[in-house]
Amino acid sequence: MEALLKTYFLILKINILIYALTPLLFLMMTGGIPLVLSVLVKSYTEIKRKNIEFEKHPHLS
């Protein structure tokens, strides 16, 4: 019984890993990783810039 449970949890872990990695694999296959990275960097720098502007001019909010 215990061996069965261990096997079940192992399969469950593998399934969770597969589900987590599938979007990444799909992105890699379509060459979308650079796209995603550029979007993340763009949004991050945008947020940073807005924060800096806000600190300079807090009365504008």
PDB file of N, CA and C in Angstrom:
ATOM      1  N   MET A   1       0.837  -1.205   0.000  1.00  0.00           N
ATOM      2  CA  MET A   1       0.000   0.000   0.000  1.00  0.00           C
ATOM      3  C   MET A   1       0.880   1.268   0.000  1.00  0.00           C
ATOM      4  N   GLU A   2       1.908   1.255   0.836  1.00  0.00           N
ATOM      5  CA  GLU A   2       2.777   2.423   0.934  1.00  0.00           C
ATOM      6  C   GLU A   2       3.534   2.665  -0.367  1.00  0.00           C
ATOM      7  N   ALA A   3       3.968   1.587  -0.981  1.00  0.00           N
ATOM      8  CA  ALA A   3       4.684   1.710  -2.258  1.00  0.00           C
ATOM      9  C   ALA A   3       3.764   2.307  -3.319  1.00  0.00           C
ATOM     10  N   LEU A   4       2.513   1.896  -3.263  1.00  0.00           N
ATOM     11  CA  LEU A   4       1.525   2.413  -4.215  1.00  0.00           C
ATOM     12  C   LEU A   4       1.358   3.925  -4.034  1.00  0.00           C
ATOM     13  N   LEU A   5       1.278   4.368  -2.787  1.00  0.00           N
ATOM     14  CA  LEU A   5       1.141   5.797  -2.491  1.00  0.00           C
ATOM     15  C   LEU A   5       2.353   6.575  -2.974  1.00  0.00           C
ATOM     16  N   LYS A   6       3.548   6.018  -2.711  1.00  0.00           N
ATOM     17  CA  LYS A   6       4.769   6.700  -3.149  1.00  0.00           C
ATOM     18  C   LYS A   6       4.800   6.841  -4.658  1.00  0.00           C
ATOM     19  N   THR A   7       4.418   5.779  -5.356  1.00  0.00           N
ATOM     20  CA  THR A   7       4.378   5.819  -6.821  1.00  0.00           C
ATOM     21  C   THR A   7       3.377   6.854  -7.290  1.00  0.00           C
ATOM     22  N   TYR A   8       2.220   6.895  -6.621  1.00  0.00           N
ATOM     23  CA  TYR A   8       1.175   7.843  -6.987  1.00  0.00           C
ATOM     24  C   TYR A   8       1.670   9.277  -6.854  1.00  0.00           C
ATOM     25  N   PHE A   9       2.337   9.580  -5.734  1.00  0.00           N
ATOM     26  CA  PHE A   9       2.827  10.939  -5.522  1.00  0.00           C
ATOM     27  C   PHE A   9       3.935  11.296  -6.491  1.00  0.00           C
ATOM     28  N   LEU A  10       4.763  10.302  -6.841  1.00  0.00           N
ATOM     29  CA  LEU A  10       5.812  10.528  -7.823  1.00  0.00           C
ATOM     30  C   LEU A  10       5.200  10.908  -9.160  1.00  0.00           C
ATOM     31  N   ILE A  11       4.180  10.157  -9.570  1.00  0.00           N
ATOM     32  CA  ILE A  11       3.495  10.443 -10.839  1.00  0.00           C
ATOM     33  C   ILE A  11       2.853  11.828 -10.773  1.00  0.00           C
ATOM     34  N   LEU A  12       2.274  12.163  -9.631  1.00  0.00           N
ATOM     35  CA  LEU A  12       1.641  13.463  -9.442  1.00  0.00           C
ATOM     36  C   LEU A  12       2.663  14.582  -9.599  1.00  0.00           C
ATOM     37  N   LYS A  13       3.829  14.413  -8.975  1.00  0.00           N
ATOM     38  CA  LYS A  13       4.887  15.422  -9.080  1.00  0.00           C
ATOM     39  C   LYS A  13       5.336  15.591 -10.522  1.00  0.00           C
ATOM     40  N   ILE A  14       5.507  14.474 -11.217  1.00  0.00           N
ATOM     41  CA  ILE A  14       5.942  14.537 -12.616  1.00  0.00           C
ATOM     42  C   ILE A  14       4.895  15.272 -13.445  1.00  0.00           C
ATOM     43  N   ASN A  15       3.620  14.965 -13.204  1.00  0.00           N
ATOM     44  CA  ASN A  15       2.545  15.629 -13.940  1.00  0.00           C
ATOM     45  C   ASN A  15       2.554  17.125 -13.699  1.00  0.00           C
ATOM     46  N   ILE A  16       2.739  17.533 -12.444  1.00  0.00           N
ATOM     47  CA  ILE A  16       2.768  18.959 -12.119  1.00  0.00           C
ATOM     48  C   ILE A  16       3.927  19.626 -12.847  1.00  0.00           C
ATOM     49  N   LEU A  17       5.093  18.952 -12.864  1.00  0.00           N
ATOM     50  CA  LEU A  17       6.255  19.492 -13.571  1.00  0.00           C
ATOM     51  C   LEU A  17       5.959  19.667 -15.047  1.00  0.00           C
ATOM     52  N   ILE A  18       5.336  18.642 -15.633  1.00  0.00           N
ATOM     53  CA  ILE A  18       5.023  18.709 -17.065  1.00  0.00           C
ATOM     54  C   ILE A  18       4.082  19.877 -17.333  1.00  0.00           C
ATOM     55  N   TYR A  19       3.047  20.011 -16.487  1.00  0.00           N
ATOM     56  CA  TYR A  19       2.102  21.112 -16.687  1.00  0.00           C
ATOM     57  C   TYR A  19       2.783  22.462 -16.549  1.00  0.00           C
ATOM     58  N   ALA A  20       3.751  22.561 -15.622  1.00  0.00           N
ATOM     59  CA  ALA A  20       4.442  23.832 -15.408  1.00  0.00           C
ATOM     60  C   ALA A  20       5.374  24.150 -16.576  1.00  0.00           C
ATOM     61  N   LEU A  21       5.977  23.103 -17.153  1.00  0.00           N
ATOM     62  CA  LEU A  21       6.981  23.328 -18.190  1.00  0.00           C
ATOM     63  C   LEU A  21       6.395  23.420 -19.595  1.00  0.00           C
ATOM     64  N   THR A  22       5.172  22.935 -19.779  1.00  0.00           N
ATOM     65  CA  THR A  22       4.586  22.927 -21.125  1.00  0.00           C
ATOM     66  C   THR A  22       4.547  24.314 -21.762  1.00  0.00           C
ATOM     67  N   PRO A  23       4.062  25.355 -21.057  1.00  0.00           N
ATOM     68  CA  PRO A  23       4.059  26.685 -21.688  1.00  0.00           C
ATOM     69  C   PRO A  23       5.461  27.143 -22.071  1.00  0.00           C
ATOM     70  N   LEU A  24       6.445  26.843 -21.205  1.00  0.00           N
ATOM     71  CA  LEU A  24       7.826  27.221 -21.495  1.00  0.00           C
ATOM     72  C   LEU A  24       8.328  26.516 -22.741  1.00  0.00           C
ATOM     73  N   LEU A  25       8.031  25.219 -22.839  1.00  0.00           N
ATOM     74  CA  LEU A  25       8.472  24.466 -24.013  1.00  0.00           C
ATOM     75  C   LEU A  25       7.817  25.011 -25.271  1.00  0.00           C
ATOM     76  N   PHE A  26       6.539  25.334 -25.162  1.00  0.00           N
ATOM     77  CA  PHE A  26       5.823  25.884 -26.304  1.00  0.00           C
ATOM     78  C   PHE A  26       6.455  27.199 -26.741  1.00  0.00           C
ATOM     79  N   LEU A  27       6.783  28.041 -25.766  1.00  0.00           N
ATOM     80  CA  LEU A  27       7.415  29.325 -26.073  1.00  0.00           C
ATOM     81  C   LEU A  27       8.771  29.115 -26.736  1.00  0.00           C
ATOM     82  N   MET A  28       9.534  28.144 -26.226  1.00  0.00           N
ATOM     83  CA  MET A  28      10.848  27.868 -26.816  1.00  0.00           C
ATOM     84  C   MET A  28      10.701  27.427 -28.260  1.00  0.00           C
ATOM     85  N   MET A  29       9.722  26.562 -28.503  1.00  0.00           N
ATOM     86  CA  MET A  29       9.531  26.038 -29.858  1.00  0.00           C
ATOM     87  C   MET A  29       9.119  27.147 -30.818  1.00  0.00           C
ATOM     88  N   THR A  30       8.321  28.085 -30.332  1.00  0.00           N
ATOM     89  CA  THR A  30       7.869  29.165 -31.201  1.00  0.00           C
ATOM     90  C   THR A  30       8.832  30.347 -31.177  1.00  0.00           C
ATOM     91  N   GLY A  31       9.910  30.211 -30.417  1.00  0.00           N
ATOM     92  CA  GLY A  31      10.894  31.288 -30.329  1.00  0.00           C
ATOM     93  C   GLY A  31      10.363  32.493 -29.580  1.00  0.00           C
ATOM     94  N   GLY A  32       9.492  32.258 -28.611  1.00  0.00           N
ATOM     95  CA  GLY A  32       8.853  33.355 -27.911  1.00  0.00           C
ATOM     96  C   GLY A  32       9.584  33.824 -26.670  1.00  0.00           C
ATOM     97  N   ILE A  33      10.623  33.099 -26.264  1.00  0.00           N
ATOM     98  CA  ILE A  33      11.336  33.475 -25.037  1.00  0.00           C
ATOM     99  C   ILE A  33      11.900  34.899 -25.127  1.00  0.00           C
ATOM    100  N   PRO A  34      12.599  35.254 -26.213  1.00  0.00           N
ATOM    101  CA  PRO A  34      13.101  36.636 -26.310  1.00  0.00           C
ATOM    102  C   PRO A  34      11.963  37.659 -26.256  1.00  0.00           C
ATOM    103  N   LEU A  35      10.848  37.313 -26.883  1.00  0.00           N
ATOM    104  CA  LEU A  35       9.684  38.197 -26.883  1.00  0.00           C
ATOM    105  C   LEU A  35       9.193  38.428 -25.462  1.00  0.00           C
ATOM    106  N   VAL A  36       9.028  37.331 -24.722  1.00  0.00           N
ATOM    107  CA  VAL A  36       8.547  37.437 -23.341  1.00  0.00           C
ATOM    108  C   VAL A  36       9.525  38.247 -22.506  1.00  0.00           C
ATOM    109  N   LEU A  37      10.815  37.965 -22.663  1.00  0.00           N
ATOM    110  CA  LEU A  37      11.838  38.689 -21.900  1.00  0.00           C
ATOM    111  C   LEU A  37      11.802  40.176 -22.208  1.00  0.00           C
ATOM    112  N   SER A  38      11.666  40.509 -23.493  1.00  0.00           N
ATOM    113  CA  SER A  38      11.655  41.926 -23.854  1.00  0.00           C
ATOM    114  C   SER A  38      10.425  42.616 -23.269  1.00  0.00           C
ATOM    115  N   VAL A  39       9.290  41.917 -23.279  1.00  0.00           N
ATOM    116  CA  VAL A  39       8.074  42.502 -22.700  1.00  0.00           C
ATOM    117  C   VAL A  39       8.256  42.721 -21.204  1.00  0.00           C
ATOM    118  N   LEU A  40       8.835  41.720 -20.525  1.00  0.00           N
ATOM    119  CA  LEU A  40       9.064  41.854 -19.082  1.00  0.00           C
ATOM    120  C   LEU A  40       9.997  43.013 -18.777  1.00  0.00           C
ATOM    121  N   VAL A  41      11.085  43.099 -19.528  1.00  0.00           N
ATOM    122  CA  VAL A  41      12.061  44.175 -19.304  1.00  0.00           C
ATOM    123  C   VAL A  41      11.421  45.528 -19.571  1.00  0.00           C
ATOM    124  N   LYS A  42      10.629  45.587 -20.650  1.00  0.00           N
ATOM    125  CA  LYS A  42       9.961  46.845 -21.008  1.00  0.00           C
ATOM    126  C   LYS A  42       9.014  47.294 -19.897  1.00  0.00           C
ATOM    127  N   SER A  43       8.183  46.364 -19.429  1.00  0.00           N
ATOM    128  CA  SER A  43       7.221  46.734 -18.392  1.00  0.00           C
ATOM    129  C   SER A  43       7.942  47.097 -17.101  1.00  0.00           C
ATOM    130  N   TYR A  44       9.047  46.395 -16.798  1.00  0.00           N
ATOM    131  CA  TYR A  44       9.809  46.699 -15.585  1.00  0.00           C
ATOM    132  C   TYR A  44      10.407  48.104 -15.656  1.00  0.00           C
ATOM    133  N   THR A  45      11.024  48.417 -16.789  1.00  0.00           N
ATOM    134  CA  THR A  45      11.637  49.746 -16.924  1.00  0.00           C
ATOM    135  C   THR A  45      10.562  50.828 -16.912  1.00  0.00           C
ATOM    136  N   GLU A  46       9.407  50.527 -17.489  1.00  0.00           N
ATOM    137  CA  GLU A  46       8.287  51.483 -17.495  1.00  0.00           C
ATOM    138  C   GLU A  46       7.846  51.784 -16.064  1.00  0.00           C
ATOM    139  N   ILE A  47       7.707  50.732 -15.273  1.00  0.00           N
ATOM    140  CA  ILE A  47       7.292  50.904 -13.874  1.00  0.00           C
ATOM    141  C   ILE A  47       8.345  51.707 -13.116  1.00  0.00           C
ATOM    142  N   LYS A  48       9.619  51.367 -13.338  1.00  0.00           N
ATOM    143  CA  LYS A  48      10.710  52.090 -12.682  1.00  0.00           C
ATOM    144  C   LYS A  48      10.651  53.580 -13.029  1.00  0.00           C
ATOM    145  N   ARG A  49      10.462  53.865 -14.328  1.00  0.00           N
ATOM    146  CA  ARG A  49      10.433  55.244 -14.792  1.00  0.00           C
ATOM    147  C   ARG A  49       9.274  56.005 -14.141  1.00  0.00           C
ATOM    148  N   LYS A  50       8.115  55.364 -14.083  1.00  0.00           N
ATOM    149  CA  LYS A  50       6.953  55.996 -13.463  1.00  0.00           C
ATOM    150  C   LYS A  50       7.208  56.275 -11.984  1.00  0.00           C
ATOM    151  N   ASN A  51       7.864  55.322 -11.298  1.00  0.00           N
ATOM    152  CA  ASN A  51       8.176  55.525  -9.877  1.00  0.00           C
ATOM    153  C   ASN A  51       9.113  56.703  -9.694  1.00  0.00           C
ATOM    154  N   ILE A  52      10.103  56.820 -10.569  1.00  0.00           N
ATOM    155  CA  ILE A  52      11.060  57.916 -10.472  1.00  0.00           C
ATOM    156  C   ILE A  52      10.344  59.248 -10.710  1.00  0.00           C
ATOM    157  N   GLU A  53       9.467  59.273 -11.746  1.00  0.00           N
ATOM    158  CA  GLU A  53       8.704  60.498 -12.019  1.00  0.00           C
ATOM    159  C   GLU A  53       7.825  60.862 -10.832  1.00  0.00           C
ATOM    160  N   PHE A  54       7.236  59.833 -10.220  1.00  0.00           N
ATOM    161  CA  PHE A  54       6.359  60.065  -9.078  1.00  0.00           C
ATOM    162  C   PHE A  54       7.141  60.643  -7.905  1.00  0.00           C
ATOM    163  N   GLU A  55       8.360  60.132  -7.698  1.00  0.00           N
ATOM    164  CA  GLU A  55       9.178  60.639  -6.596  1.00  0.00           C
ATOM    165  C   GLU A  55       9.596  62.089  -6.848  1.00  0.00           C
ATOM    166  N   LYS A  56       9.810  62.431  -8.114  1.00  0.00           N
ATOM    167  CA  LYS A  56      10.197  63.809  -8.437  1.00  0.00           C
ATOM    168  C   LYS A  56       9.012  64.766  -8.285  1.00  0.00           C
ATOM    169  N   HIS A  57       7.830  64.291  -8.696  1.00  0.00           N
ATOM    170  CA  HIS A  57       6.636  65.145  -8.683  1.00  0.00           C
ATOM    171  C   HIS A  57       5.483  64.438  -7.963  1.00  0.00           C
ATOM    172  N   PRO A  58       5.539  64.309  -6.653  1.00  0.00           N
ATOM    173  CA  PRO A  58       4.460  63.594  -5.939  1.00  0.00           C
ATOM    174  C   PRO A  58       3.114  64.307  -6.019  1.00  0.00           C
ATOM    175  N   HIS A  59       3.128  65.605  -6.310  1.00  0.00           N
ATOM    176  CA  HIS A  59       1.860  66.347  -6.348  1.00  0.00           C
ATOM    177  C   HIS A  59       1.044  66.021  -7.604  1.00  0.00           C
ATOM    178  N   LEU A  60       1.645  65.320  -8.588  1.00  0.00           N
ATOM    179  CA  LEU A  60       0.922  65.036  -9.835  1.00  0.00           C
ATOM    180  C   LEU A  60      -0.069  63.888  -9.693  1.00  0.00           C
ATOM    181  N   SER A  61       0.085  63.067  -8.673  1.00  0.00           N
ATOM    182  CA  SER A  61      -0.771  61.886  -8.571  1.00  0.00           C
ATOM    183  C   SER A  61      -2.210  62.270  -8.259  1.00  0.00           C
TER     184      SER A  61
END
